[in-house]
Amino acid sequence: MNRRQHTARDPDFAHRCRASCAAQPAMSRLFGGEMTVIEPGYCEIRINSQPDFLQQMGNFHGGIVGALADSAAGYAALSLLAPGLEVVTVEYKISFLAPAFGEYLVGRGEVLRAGRTLQFCSADIFAVQDGVEKAVAQMTTTMMAVPDPKTKT
């Protein structure tokens, strides 16, 4: 995989991103998302299949796929920010490529262009069945750096 090279502004970015993901109720508790990779400008998150996540045909619901893409891209963006900053999604477009049948989903987010305030990102979502990955969605998104409301100034 040929990823863009980025430099993190926070030497503790990996710990900060993992702690943030673990503290996010929707991704960690509701969806059981697990951050499996975090590098400067890149993030992977996995969500295992559960009956409540599936459509009537047995594939992952598009809302789960979209939430995973948004989080993977968001944490890729967060990995490049200085301490005291967070990210919020400004906009995104998602294209569904195929029904997401599988044992789990993998979301891979990447920063394509990092600015001081805005970061343009992408996320690719794969459904994994019997060890075989199938591309099921692609997202492009713009993330904005904002002051972390939990940080005292």
N, C-alpha and C. Protein backbone atom coordinates (compact mmCIF):
# COMPACT_ATOMS: atom_id res chain seq x y z
N MET A 1 0.85 -1.17 0.00
CA MET A 1 0.00 0.00 0.00
C MET A 1 0.90 1.23 0.00
N ASN A 2 0.62 2.17 -0.87
CA ASN A 2 1.40 3.39 -1.00
C ASN A 2 0.66 4.55 -0.35
N ARG A 3 0.96 4.80 0.93
CA ARG A 3 0.28 5.88 1.64
C ARG A 3 1.12 7.14 1.61
N ARG A 4 0.43 8.27 1.75
CA ARG A 4 1.13 9.55 1.87
C ARG A 4 1.89 9.60 3.18
N GLN A 5 3.00 10.32 3.18
CA GLN A 5 3.80 10.47 4.38
C GLN A 5 3.39 11.75 5.10
N HIS A 6 3.07 11.64 6.36
CA HIS A 6 2.68 12.78 7.18
C HIS A 6 3.51 12.77 8.46
N THR A 7 3.59 13.92 9.08
CA THR A 7 4.28 14.05 10.35
C THR A 7 3.28 14.47 11.41
N ALA A 8 3.22 13.72 12.49
CA ALA A 8 2.31 14.05 13.60
C ALA A 8 2.87 15.24 14.37
N ARG A 9 1.97 16.14 14.79
CA ARG A 9 2.37 17.29 15.61
C ARG A 9 2.38 16.96 17.10
N ASP A 10 1.86 15.79 17.43
CA ASP A 10 1.79 15.34 18.82
C ASP A 10 2.57 14.03 18.92
N PRO A 11 3.66 13.99 19.69
CA PRO A 11 4.42 12.74 19.79
C PRO A 11 3.61 11.61 20.43
N ASP A 12 2.54 11.96 21.14
CA ASP A 12 1.69 10.97 21.80
C ASP A 12 0.38 10.76 21.03
N PHE A 13 0.40 11.02 19.72
CA PHE A 13 -0.82 10.96 18.91
C PHE A 13 -1.52 9.60 18.98
N ALA A 14 -0.77 8.52 18.98
CA ALA A 14 -1.38 7.18 18.95
C ALA A 14 -2.19 6.94 20.23
N HIS A 15 -1.60 7.26 21.36
CA HIS A 15 -2.31 7.10 22.63
C HIS A 15 -3.56 7.99 22.66
N ARG A 16 -3.42 9.23 22.22
CA ARG A 16 -4.55 10.17 22.23
C ARG A 16 -5.68 9.67 21.32
N CYS A 17 -5.35 9.17 20.13
CA CYS A 17 -6.38 8.67 19.21
C CYS A 17 -7.05 7.42 19.75
N ARG A 18 -6.28 6.49 20.29
CA ARG A 18 -6.86 5.26 20.83
C ARG A 18 -7.76 5.57 22.03
N ALA A 19 -7.32 6.48 22.90
CA ALA A 19 -8.14 6.86 24.05
C ALA A 19 -9.42 7.55 23.61
N SER A 20 -9.33 8.39 22.60
CA SER A 20 -10.52 9.08 22.09
C SER A 20 -11.52 8.09 21.50
N CYS A 21 -11.02 7.14 20.72
CA CYS A 21 -11.91 6.13 20.11
C CYS A 21 -12.57 5.28 21.18
N ALA A 22 -11.79 4.88 22.18
CA ALA A 22 -12.33 4.06 23.27
C ALA A 22 -13.37 4.81 24.08
N ALA A 23 -13.24 6.15 24.15
CA ALA A 23 -14.17 6.96 24.94
C ALA A 23 -15.39 7.39 24.13
N GLN A 24 -15.41 7.10 22.84
CA GLN A 24 -16.53 7.50 22.00
C GLN A 24 -17.63 6.45 22.12
N PRO A 25 -18.75 6.77 22.75
CA PRO A 25 -19.78 5.76 22.99
C PRO A 25 -20.31 5.07 21.73
N ALA A 26 -20.54 5.79 20.66
CA ALA A 26 -21.10 5.16 19.46
C ALA A 26 -20.15 4.14 18.87
N MET A 27 -18.90 4.54 18.66
CA MET A 27 -17.97 3.62 17.99
C MET A 27 -17.53 2.50 18.92
N SER A 28 -17.18 2.81 20.16
CA SER A 28 -16.61 1.76 21.02
C SER A 28 -17.67 0.88 21.67
N ARG A 29 -18.68 1.49 22.24
CA ARG A 29 -19.67 0.68 22.99
C ARG A 29 -20.80 0.18 22.10
N LEU A 30 -21.41 1.05 21.32
CA LEU A 30 -22.55 0.65 20.51
C LEU A 30 -22.13 -0.29 19.38
N PHE A 31 -21.07 0.09 18.64
CA PHE A 31 -20.65 -0.70 17.48
C PHE A 31 -19.53 -1.68 17.81
N GLY A 32 -18.90 -1.55 18.96
CA GLY A 32 -17.78 -2.43 19.31
C GLY A 32 -16.57 -2.22 18.43
N GLY A 33 -16.41 -1.01 17.89
CA GLY A 33 -15.29 -0.72 17.01
C GLY A 33 -13.96 -0.79 17.74
N GLU A 34 -12.97 -1.36 17.07
CA GLU A 34 -11.63 -1.49 17.63
C GLU A 34 -10.63 -0.86 16.67
N MET A 35 -9.88 0.12 17.16
CA MET A 35 -8.83 0.73 16.35
C MET A 35 -7.67 -0.25 16.29
N THR A 36 -7.38 -0.76 15.10
CA THR A 36 -6.33 -1.76 14.95
C THR A 36 -5.01 -1.16 14.48
N VAL A 37 -5.06 -0.03 13.78
CA VAL A 37 -3.86 0.64 13.30
C VAL A 37 -4.06 2.14 13.42
N ILE A 38 -3.04 2.84 13.93
CA ILE A 38 -3.04 4.30 13.92
C ILE A 38 -1.61 4.75 13.63
N GLU A 39 -1.46 5.49 12.55
CA GLU A 39 -0.19 6.05 12.12
C GLU A 39 -0.46 7.50 11.73
N PRO A 40 0.57 8.32 11.62
CA PRO A 40 0.31 9.71 11.21
C PRO A 40 -0.44 9.77 9.88
N GLY A 41 -1.66 10.29 9.93
CA GLY A 41 -2.48 10.43 8.73
C GLY A 41 -3.19 9.19 8.27
N TYR A 42 -3.20 8.13 9.08
CA TYR A 42 -3.81 6.86 8.66
C TYR A 42 -4.41 6.14 9.87
N CYS A 43 -5.58 5.52 9.66
CA CYS A 43 -6.25 4.80 10.74
C CYS A 43 -7.04 3.62 10.17
N GLU A 44 -7.03 2.51 10.91
CA GLU A 44 -7.89 1.36 10.60
C GLU A 44 -8.73 1.04 11.83
N ILE A 45 -10.02 0.82 11.58
CA ILE A 45 -10.96 0.42 12.63
C ILE A 45 -11.73 -0.80 12.13
N ARG A 46 -11.98 -1.72 13.03
CA ARG A 46 -12.71 -2.95 12.72
C ARG A 46 -14.01 -2.99 13.51
N ILE A 47 -15.08 -3.45 12.85
CA ILE A 47 -16.36 -3.69 13.51
C ILE A 47 -16.81 -5.10 13.16
N ASN A 48 -17.02 -5.93 14.19
CA ASN A 48 -17.50 -7.29 13.98
C ASN A 48 -19.00 -7.29 13.71
N SER A 49 -19.43 -8.26 12.95
CA SER A 49 -20.85 -8.40 12.64
C SER A 49 -21.65 -8.76 13.88
N GLN A 50 -22.81 -8.16 14.00
CA GLN A 50 -23.79 -8.48 15.03
C GLN A 50 -25.17 -8.45 14.37
N PRO A 51 -26.10 -9.27 14.82
CA PRO A 51 -27.41 -9.29 14.19
C PRO A 51 -28.08 -7.91 14.09
N ASP A 52 -27.90 -7.07 15.09
CA ASP A 52 -28.53 -5.75 15.06
C ASP A 52 -27.94 -4.81 14.02
N PHE A 53 -26.80 -5.15 13.43
CA PHE A 53 -26.14 -4.30 12.45
C PHE A 53 -26.56 -4.61 11.02
N LEU A 54 -27.39 -5.65 10.85
CA LEU A 54 -27.67 -6.17 9.52
C LEU A 54 -29.02 -5.72 8.99
N GLN A 55 -29.06 -5.59 7.67
CA GLN A 55 -30.32 -5.34 6.97
C GLN A 55 -31.11 -6.65 6.90
N GLN A 56 -32.28 -6.55 6.33
CA GLN A 56 -33.15 -7.72 6.19
C GLN A 56 -32.54 -8.80 5.29
N MET A 57 -31.56 -8.43 4.42
CA MET A 57 -30.93 -9.41 3.53
C MET A 57 -29.71 -10.06 4.17
N GLY A 58 -29.26 -9.56 5.34
CA GLY A 58 -28.13 -10.16 6.02
C GLY A 58 -26.81 -9.43 5.84
N ASN A 59 -26.81 -8.31 5.13
CA ASN A 59 -25.59 -7.52 4.99
C ASN A 59 -25.61 -6.36 5.97
N PHE A 60 -24.41 -5.80 6.25
CA PHE A 60 -24.31 -4.65 7.14
C PHE A 60 -25.16 -3.50 6.62
N HIS A 61 -25.85 -2.83 7.52
CA HIS A 61 -26.65 -1.65 7.19
C HIS A 61 -25.72 -0.52 6.75
N GLY A 62 -26.16 0.27 5.79
CA GLY A 62 -25.36 1.38 5.29
C GLY A 62 -25.01 2.41 6.35
N GLY A 63 -25.85 2.56 7.37
CA GLY A 63 -25.55 3.50 8.44
C GLY A 63 -24.33 3.07 9.24
N ILE A 64 -24.15 1.77 9.42
CA ILE A 64 -22.97 1.25 10.11
C ILE A 64 -21.73 1.48 9.25
N VAL A 65 -21.85 1.21 7.96
CA VAL A 65 -20.75 1.41 7.03
C VAL A 65 -20.34 2.89 7.02
N GLY A 66 -21.32 3.77 6.96
CA GLY A 66 -21.03 5.20 6.94
C GLY A 66 -20.39 5.69 8.23
N ALA A 67 -20.87 5.21 9.37
CA ALA A 67 -20.28 5.60 10.66
C ALA A 67 -18.83 5.14 10.75
N LEU A 68 -18.55 3.95 10.26
CA LEU A 68 -17.19 3.43 10.28
C LEU A 68 -16.28 4.27 9.40
N ALA A 69 -16.74 4.62 8.22
CA ALA A 69 -15.94 5.45 7.30
C ALA A 69 -15.65 6.82 7.92
N ASP A 70 -16.66 7.43 8.52
CA ASP A 70 -16.50 8.74 9.15
C ASP A 70 -15.49 8.68 10.28
N SER A 71 -15.55 7.65 11.10
CA SER A 71 -14.63 7.53 12.23
C SER A 71 -13.20 7.23 11.77
N ALA A 72 -13.04 6.35 10.80
CA ALA A 72 -11.69 6.02 10.32
C ALA A 72 -11.02 7.26 9.73
N ALA A 73 -11.75 8.02 8.93
CA ALA A 73 -11.19 9.25 8.36
C ALA A 73 -10.94 10.29 9.45
N GLY A 74 -11.86 10.39 10.41
CA GLY A 74 -11.72 11.36 11.49
C GLY A 74 -10.50 11.11 12.35
N TYR A 75 -10.25 9.85 12.68
CA TYR A 75 -9.07 9.54 13.49
C TYR A 75 -7.78 9.67 12.70
N ALA A 76 -7.82 9.42 11.40
CA ALA A 76 -6.65 9.71 10.57
C ALA A 76 -6.32 11.20 10.65
N ALA A 77 -7.35 12.04 10.58
CA ALA A 77 -7.16 13.48 10.68
C ALA A 77 -6.67 13.88 12.07
N LEU A 78 -7.27 13.33 13.11
CA LEU A 78 -6.87 13.67 14.47
C LEU A 78 -5.40 13.33 14.73
N SER A 79 -4.91 12.28 14.10
CA SER A 79 -3.53 11.85 14.34
C SER A 79 -2.51 12.91 13.95
N LEU A 80 -2.90 13.87 13.13
CA LEU A 80 -1.97 14.90 12.67
C LEU A 80 -2.08 16.21 13.45
N LEU A 81 -3.05 16.30 14.35
CA LEU A 81 -3.29 17.56 15.04
C LEU A 81 -2.48 17.69 16.32
N ALA A 82 -2.21 18.92 16.67
CA ALA A 82 -1.50 19.23 17.91
C ALA A 82 -2.39 18.92 19.10
N PRO A 83 -1.79 18.69 20.26
CA PRO A 83 -2.59 18.51 21.48
C PRO A 83 -3.49 19.73 21.69
N GLY A 84 -4.67 19.48 22.25
CA GLY A 84 -5.62 20.55 22.50
C GLY A 84 -6.58 20.79 21.35
N LEU A 85 -6.43 20.03 20.26
CA LEU A 85 -7.34 20.14 19.13
C LEU A 85 -8.09 18.84 18.92
N GLU A 86 -9.28 18.94 18.38
CA GLU A 86 -10.12 17.80 18.01
C GLU A 86 -10.55 18.01 16.57
N VAL A 87 -11.26 17.05 16.00
CA VAL A 87 -11.79 17.21 14.65
C VAL A 87 -13.30 17.04 14.66
N VAL A 88 -13.93 17.74 13.74
CA VAL A 88 -15.35 17.54 13.46
C VAL A 88 -15.49 17.38 11.95
N THR A 89 -16.49 16.64 11.54
CA THR A 89 -16.75 16.44 10.12
C THR A 89 -17.47 17.66 9.57
N VAL A 90 -16.95 18.21 8.48
CA VAL A 90 -17.59 19.34 7.81
C VAL A 90 -18.57 18.82 6.77
N GLU A 91 -18.13 17.85 6.00
CA GLU A 91 -19.00 17.25 4.98
C GLU A 91 -18.41 15.91 4.57
N TYR A 92 -19.26 15.06 3.99
CA TYR A 92 -18.75 13.84 3.38
C TYR A 92 -19.67 13.34 2.29
N LYS A 93 -19.08 12.55 1.40
CA LYS A 93 -19.82 11.87 0.35
C LYS A 93 -19.39 10.41 0.41
N ILE A 94 -20.37 9.54 0.44
CA ILE A 94 -20.06 8.12 0.47
C ILE A 94 -20.69 7.45 -0.74
N SER A 95 -19.93 6.56 -1.34
CA SER A 95 -20.42 5.74 -2.45
C SER A 95 -20.38 4.30 -2.01
N PHE A 96 -21.53 3.64 -2.13
CA PHE A 96 -21.63 2.22 -1.78
C PHE A 96 -21.35 1.42 -3.05
N LEU A 97 -20.35 0.55 -2.96
CA LEU A 97 -19.89 -0.21 -4.13
C LEU A 97 -20.53 -1.58 -4.25
N ALA A 98 -20.86 -2.17 -3.11
CA ALA A 98 -21.43 -3.52 -3.09
C ALA A 98 -22.07 -3.75 -1.72
N PRO A 99 -23.02 -4.69 -1.62
CA PRO A 99 -23.56 -5.03 -0.30
C PRO A 99 -22.44 -5.55 0.60
N ALA A 100 -22.50 -5.17 1.87
CA ALA A 100 -21.44 -5.50 2.83
C ALA A 100 -21.76 -6.78 3.58
N PHE A 101 -21.59 -7.92 2.91
CA PHE A 101 -21.74 -9.22 3.54
C PHE A 101 -20.39 -9.63 4.12
N GLY A 102 -20.37 -10.03 5.39
CA GLY A 102 -19.10 -10.48 5.95
C GLY A 102 -19.17 -10.69 7.44
N GLU A 103 -18.08 -11.23 7.96
CA GLU A 103 -17.94 -11.47 9.40
C GLU A 103 -17.59 -10.18 10.13
N TYR A 104 -16.91 -9.28 9.42
CA TYR A 104 -16.57 -7.98 10.00
C TYR A 104 -16.27 -6.99 8.89
N LEU A 105 -16.25 -5.73 9.29
CA LEU A 105 -15.88 -4.62 8.40
C LEU A 105 -14.54 -4.06 8.85
N VAL A 106 -13.77 -3.58 7.88
CA VAL A 106 -12.55 -2.85 8.15
C VAL A 106 -12.66 -1.51 7.46
N GLY A 107 -12.46 -0.44 8.23
CA GLY A 107 -12.44 0.91 7.67
C GLY A 107 -11.03 1.43 7.69
N ARG A 108 -10.57 1.93 6.54
CA ARG A 108 -9.22 2.48 6.42
C ARG A 108 -9.32 3.95 6.01
N GLY A 109 -8.98 4.82 6.96
CA GLY A 109 -9.04 6.25 6.70
C GLY A 109 -7.65 6.82 6.45
N GLU A 110 -7.58 7.80 5.55
CA GLU A 110 -6.29 8.41 5.21
C GLU A 110 -6.48 9.90 4.95
N VAL A 111 -5.53 10.68 5.42
CA VAL A 111 -5.51 12.12 5.12
C VAL A 111 -4.85 12.28 3.75
N LEU A 112 -5.59 12.91 2.84
CA LEU A 112 -5.06 13.15 1.50
C LEU A 112 -4.34 14.50 1.42
N ARG A 113 -4.89 15.48 2.14
CA ARG A 113 -4.27 16.81 2.19
C ARG A 113 -4.54 17.40 3.56
N ALA A 114 -3.48 17.75 4.25
CA ALA A 114 -3.61 18.32 5.60
C ALA A 114 -3.28 19.81 5.56
N GLY A 115 -4.27 20.62 5.92
CA GLY A 115 -4.05 22.05 6.07
C GLY A 115 -4.04 22.40 7.54
N ARG A 116 -3.93 23.69 7.84
CA ARG A 116 -3.92 24.10 9.24
C ARG A 116 -5.27 23.90 9.91
N THR A 117 -6.34 24.17 9.16
CA THR A 117 -7.69 24.05 9.74
C THR A 117 -8.47 22.90 9.12
N LEU A 118 -8.39 22.75 7.81
CA LEU A 118 -9.15 21.72 7.11
C LEU A 118 -8.25 20.61 6.62
N GLN A 119 -8.76 19.38 6.70
CA GLN A 119 -8.06 18.22 6.19
C GLN A 119 -9.00 17.47 5.26
N PHE A 120 -8.53 17.17 4.07
CA PHE A 120 -9.30 16.41 3.10
C PHE A 120 -8.88 14.95 3.24
N CYS A 121 -9.86 14.08 3.50
CA CYS A 121 -9.58 12.67 3.81
C CYS A 121 -10.40 11.74 2.93
N SER A 122 -9.99 10.48 2.94
CA SER A 122 -10.77 9.43 2.30
C SER A 122 -10.87 8.26 3.26
N ALA A 123 -11.85 7.43 3.02
CA ALA A 123 -11.98 6.18 3.77
C ALA A 123 -12.48 5.10 2.82
N ASP A 124 -11.88 3.94 2.94
CA ASP A 124 -12.31 2.77 2.18
C ASP A 124 -12.81 1.74 3.18
N ILE A 125 -13.95 1.15 2.87
CA ILE A 125 -14.55 0.15 3.76
C ILE A 125 -14.57 -1.19 3.03
N PHE A 126 -14.14 -2.21 3.77
CA PHE A 126 -14.09 -3.56 3.23
C PHE A 126 -14.89 -4.49 4.13
N ALA A 127 -15.67 -5.38 3.53
CA ALA A 127 -16.31 -6.47 4.25
C ALA A 127 -15.38 -7.68 4.12
N VAL A 128 -15.17 -8.38 5.22
CA VAL A 128 -14.26 -9.53 5.22
C VAL A 128 -15.05 -10.79 5.53
N GLN A 129 -14.98 -11.75 4.62
CA GLN A 129 -15.65 -13.03 4.76
C GLN A 129 -14.64 -14.13 4.46
N ASP A 130 -14.44 -15.05 5.42
CA ASP A 130 -13.48 -16.14 5.25
C ASP A 130 -12.10 -15.63 4.86
N GLY A 131 -11.69 -14.50 5.44
CA GLY A 131 -10.36 -13.94 5.21
C GLY A 131 -10.21 -13.16 3.92
N VAL A 132 -11.28 -13.06 3.14
CA VAL A 132 -11.22 -12.36 1.86
C VAL A 132 -11.89 -10.99 2.00
N GLU A 133 -11.14 -9.94 1.64
CA GLU A 133 -11.68 -8.58 1.70
C GLU A 133 -12.39 -8.23 0.40
N LYS A 134 -13.54 -7.56 0.55
CA LYS A 134 -14.27 -7.05 -0.61
C LYS A 134 -14.57 -5.58 -0.36
N ALA A 135 -14.19 -4.72 -1.30
CA ALA A 135 -14.46 -3.29 -1.17
C ALA A 135 -15.98 -3.07 -1.25
N VAL A 136 -16.52 -2.37 -0.24
CA VAL A 136 -17.97 -2.15 -0.21
C VAL A 136 -18.36 -0.68 -0.21
N ALA A 137 -17.44 0.23 0.14
CA ALA A 137 -17.77 1.66 0.14
C ALA A 137 -16.51 2.50 0.11
N GLN A 138 -16.67 3.72 -0.43
CA GLN A 138 -15.60 4.72 -0.43
C GLN A 138 -16.21 6.04 0.00
N MET A 139 -15.46 6.77 0.83
CA MET A 139 -15.93 8.06 1.30
C MET A 139 -14.83 9.10 1.07
N THR A 140 -15.24 10.30 0.70
CA THR A 140 -14.36 11.46 0.77
C THR A 140 -14.99 12.41 1.77
N THR A 141 -14.14 13.08 2.53
CA THR A 141 -14.65 13.92 3.61
C THR A 141 -13.71 15.07 3.90
N THR A 142 -14.26 16.12 4.43
CA THR A 142 -13.48 17.24 4.92
C THR A 142 -13.66 17.31 6.42
N MET A 143 -12.53 17.36 7.12
CA MET A 143 -12.52 17.45 8.58
C MET A 143 -11.97 18.82 8.99
N MET A 144 -12.50 19.35 10.08
CA MET A 144 -12.04 20.65 10.57
C MET A 144 -11.45 20.51 11.96
N ALA A 145 -10.30 21.14 12.17
CA ALA A 145 -9.67 21.20 13.49
C ALA A 145 -10.40 22.23 14.33
N VAL A 146 -10.77 21.84 15.56
CA VAL A 146 -11.45 22.73 16.49
C VAL A 146 -10.81 22.56 17.87
N PRO A 147 -10.92 23.57 18.74
CA PRO A 147 -10.39 23.40 20.09
C PRO A 147 -11.12 22.25 20.79
N ASP A 148 -10.36 21.43 21.51
CA ASP A 148 -10.92 20.33 22.27
C ASP A 148 -11.64 20.91 23.49
N PRO A 149 -12.96 20.75 23.60
CA PRO A 149 -13.68 21.34 24.72
C PRO A 149 -13.30 20.75 26.08
N LYS A 150 -12.62 19.59 26.05
CA LYS A 150 -12.19 18.97 27.31
C LYS A 150 -10.86 19.51 27.81
N THR A 151 -10.17 20.28 26.95
CA THR A 151 -8.87 20.83 27.31
C THR A 151 -9.06 22.21 27.94
N LYS A 152 -8.44 22.40 29.08
CA LYS A 152 -8.53 23.70 29.75
C LYS A 152 -7.53 24.65 29.09
N THR A 153 -7.97 25.88 28.87
CA THR A 153 -7.07 26.87 28.27
C THR A 153 -6.62 27.89 29.27
